[in-house]
Protein backbone atom coordinates (compact mmCIF):
# COMPACT_ATOMS: atom_id res chain seq x y z
CA UNK A 1 98.22 100.59 97.06
CA UNK A 2 96.68 99.72 100.41
CA UNK A 3 95.78 96.61 102.39
CA UNK A 4 92.30 96.97 103.88
CA UNK A 5 90.56 95.08 106.65
CA UNK A 6 86.85 95.72 106.17
CA UNK A 7 83.91 93.65 107.31
CA UNK A 8 86.11 90.70 108.26
CA UNK A 9 87.79 90.62 104.83
CA UNK A 10 91.40 91.48 104.13
CA UNK A 11 92.13 92.69 100.59
CA UNK A 12 94.52 94.83 98.54
CA UNK A 13 93.30 97.86 96.63
CA UNK A 14 94.49 100.79 94.57
CA UNK A 15 93.51 104.19 95.95
CA UNK A 16 91.52 106.19 93.38
CA UNK A 17 90.85 109.27 95.51
CA UNK A 18 89.68 110.64 98.80
CA UNK A 19 86.12 111.09 99.99
CA UNK A 20 84.68 112.57 103.15
CA UNK A 21 85.88 110.31 105.99
CA UNK A 22 87.91 107.88 103.92
CA UNK A 23 89.22 106.67 100.60
CA UNK A 24 87.70 105.54 97.33
CA UNK A 25 89.47 102.31 96.36
CA UNK A 26 89.45 99.75 93.57
CA UNK A 27 90.14 96.25 94.94
CA UNK A 28 92.80 94.16 93.19
CA UNK A 29 91.30 90.78 94.12
CA UNK A 30 88.32 89.42 92.24
CA UNK A 31 84.94 89.20 93.92
CA UNK A 32 85.22 92.46 95.83
CA UNK A 33 83.27 95.44 94.52
CA UNK A 34 84.87 98.87 94.17
CA UNK A 35 84.02 100.74 97.30
CA UNK A 36 84.76 103.41 99.82
CA UNK A 37 86.66 102.52 102.97
CA UNK A 38 87.31 104.42 106.17
CA UNK A 39 90.84 105.52 106.90
CA UNK A 40 90.94 103.39 110.06
CA UNK A 41 90.30 100.25 107.95
CA UNK A 42 93.63 100.69 106.15
CA UNK A 43 96.10 98.20 107.62
CA UNK A 44 99.14 98.95 105.40
CA UNK A 45 99.97 101.27 102.55
CA UNK A 46 102.65 101.55 99.89
CA UNK A 47 103.60 104.47 97.68
CA UNK A 48 103.71 103.99 93.96
CA UNK A 49 107.15 104.55 92.51
CA UNK A 50 107.92 105.17 88.89
CA UNK A 51 110.31 103.20 86.79
CA UNK A 52 113.90 104.43 86.77
CA UNK A 53 114.77 106.42 83.70
CA UNK A 54 117.09 104.82 81.21
CA UNK A 55 119.77 107.46 81.18
CA UNK A 56 121.35 108.24 77.88
CA UNK A 57 122.80 111.56 78.98
CA UNK A 58 126.37 112.72 78.51
CA UNK A 59 127.55 111.37 81.88
CA UNK A 60 126.14 107.91 81.05
CA UNK A 61 127.77 107.46 77.66
CA UNK A 62 129.17 104.08 76.82
CA UNK A 63 132.94 104.21 76.61
CA UNK A 64 135.19 101.95 74.61
CA UNK A 65 137.42 99.44 76.34
CA UNK A 66 140.54 101.02 74.77
CA UNK A 67 139.60 104.40 76.23
CA UNK A 68 139.46 102.88 79.71
CA UNK A 69 142.89 101.26 79.33
CA UNK A 70 144.51 104.56 78.34
CA UNK A 71 143.77 106.07 81.71
């Protein structure tokens, strides 16, 4: 995800790939065509992070309340 300042417009876009001299982006806002932008037009960028895994492993087992009191 990037914030781009291009041609006097400021918009957010998802980076689809790289091209010679810049990035191929898909704008999030309506009314802006998918386009290629130069790297110097990128104002901010954020990395995409995945969702945390819902751990059901042995170290994340649910314990009974009685088991906790016995300790």
